Structures are given as C-alpha cells and as structure tokens.
C-alpha cells in the first residue's frame, strides 16, 4: 500500500499552468498555477525563478492540506465538485 504523505504528493506529475501578467505598477511577473489545486499560485519576477521556486510553496500548501485532512485531488483524477457546477 502506498503511503500518501508529503513526499508522495510532492513527486506527483502536477499539471502546471504557466503565464505572465503585469502588476498594478505595470511590471511583468510570471506565475505558476497547479490545475489540481485551484488555490495554488506562485509568482516571481522571471519565468526561470518561478520554475525554480514554486515547489517550495507547493510543499507548504500540501503540508497544510494534509494537516487539514481533506481530500487532495491528484493529477488525472476527476473533480466531482467541478462536474456538479457544470450541470
């Protein structure tokens, strides 16, 4: 049986959504979102920095989610709540 601990979740093949935008002062920033964790977003001044550092925030986010005890949607898993919203 697989132990679904922090290391397990950190090593999943998460669906990354990368993009860029402008802040309120017109400066470009880069972000990474994770499709399976709608509340997750990491921003950095460069795309390279975002890719290098998002896992640190992912670690904190997953730790809180595990402590909270709720279900963590894994890559490839259907979100039952999303289906309800679309009907």
Protein backbone atom coordinates (compact mmCIF):
# COMPACT_ATOMS: atom_id res chain seq x y z
CA UNK A 1 0.00 0.00 0.00
CA UNK A 2 1.27 3.46 -0.92
CA UNK A 3 1.67 5.94 1.92
CA UNK A 4 0.21 9.23 0.75
CA UNK A 5 2.48 11.54 2.70
CA UNK A 6 4.10 14.85 1.79
CA UNK A 7 6.85 13.19 -0.27
CA UNK A 8 4.26 11.20 -2.22
CA UNK A 9 2.34 14.34 -3.18
CA UNK A 10 5.46 16.39 -3.94
CA UNK A 11 6.54 13.81 -6.51
CA UNK A 12 3.29 13.67 -8.47
CA UNK A 13 3.21 14.95 -12.04
CA UNK A 14 1.12 18.04 -11.33
CA UNK A 15 -0.49 19.93 -14.21
CA UNK A 16 1.34 23.27 -14.28
CA UNK A 17 -0.23 26.34 -15.83
CA UNK A 18 2.42 28.95 -16.54
CA UNK A 19 1.85 32.51 -17.62
CA UNK A 20 2.79 36.12 -17.21
CA UNK A 21 0.95 39.32 -16.45
CA UNK A 22 1.52 42.88 -15.32
CA UNK A 23 1.26 44.03 -11.73
CA UNK A 24 -0.53 47.22 -10.68
CA UNK A 25 2.56 49.26 -11.49
CA UNK A 26 2.97 47.80 -14.98
CA UNK A 27 5.85 45.46 -14.13
CA UNK A 28 5.82 42.00 -15.69
CA UNK A 29 5.71 38.98 -13.40
CA UNK A 30 5.48 35.26 -14.07
CA UNK A 31 3.22 32.78 -12.35
CA UNK A 32 2.68 29.07 -11.98
CA UNK A 33 -0.69 27.63 -11.06
CA UNK A 34 -1.50 23.98 -10.44
CA UNK A 35 -4.69 22.79 -12.12
CA UNK A 36 -5.47 20.23 -9.41
CA UNK A 37 -5.02 22.76 -6.58
CA UNK A 38 -7.15 25.80 -7.56
CA UNK A 39 -5.92 27.87 -4.61
CA UNK A 40 -2.26 27.47 -5.61
CA UNK A 41 -0.37 30.22 -7.42
CA UNK A 42 3.29 31.17 -7.23
CA UNK A 43 4.62 34.45 -8.66
CA UNK A 44 8.17 35.53 -9.42
CA UNK A 45 9.94 38.27 -11.39
CA UNK A 46 11.19 35.79 -14.05
CA UNK A 47 9.85 32.55 -15.54
CA UNK A 48 13.06 30.76 -14.57
CA UNK A 49 12.74 31.86 -10.94
CA UNK A 50 9.10 30.76 -10.85
CA UNK A 51 10.05 27.28 -12.12
CA UNK A 52 12.93 27.03 -9.64
CA UNK A 53 10.95 28.10 -6.58
CA UNK A 54 7.29 27.04 -6.91
CA UNK A 55 7.93 23.64 -5.27
CA UNK A 56 8.85 25.36 -2.01
CA UNK A 57 5.39 26.93 -1.83
CA UNK A 58 3.83 23.67 -3.04
CA UNK A 59 5.45 21.91 -0.08
CA UNK A 60 3.85 24.38 2.38
CA UNK A 61 0.48 24.20 0.63
CA UNK A 62 0.42 20.39 0.65
CA UNK A 63 1.54 20.26 4.29
CA UNK A 64 -1.44 22.42 5.28
CA UNK A 65 -3.80 20.35 3.12
CA UNK A 66 -2.54 17.12 4.70
CA UNK A 67 -2.85 18.57 8.20
CA UNK A 68 -6.40 19.67 7.37
CA UNK A 69 -7.24 16.08 6.44
CA UNK A 70 -9.27 16.83 3.32
CA UNK A 71 -9.04 15.00 0.01
CA UNK A 72 -6.20 16.14 -2.25
CA UNK A 73 -7.11 15.88 -5.92
CA UNK A 74 -4.35 14.07 -7.80
CA UNK A 75 -3.30 14.54 -11.43
CA UNK A 76 -5.67 12.65 -13.73
CA UNK A 77 -8.37 12.40 -11.06
CA UNK A 78 -11.76 13.87 -11.87
CA UNK A 79 -13.03 16.60 -9.56
CA UNK A 80 -16.57 15.56 -8.58
CA UNK A 81 -17.44 19.09 -7.43
CA UNK A 82 -16.50 20.59 -10.80
CA UNK A 83 -18.90 18.26 -12.60
CA UNK A 84 -21.72 19.43 -10.36
CA UNK A 85 -21.02 23.09 -11.16
CA UNK A 86 -21.16 22.48 -14.91
CA UNK A 87 -24.62 20.88 -14.89
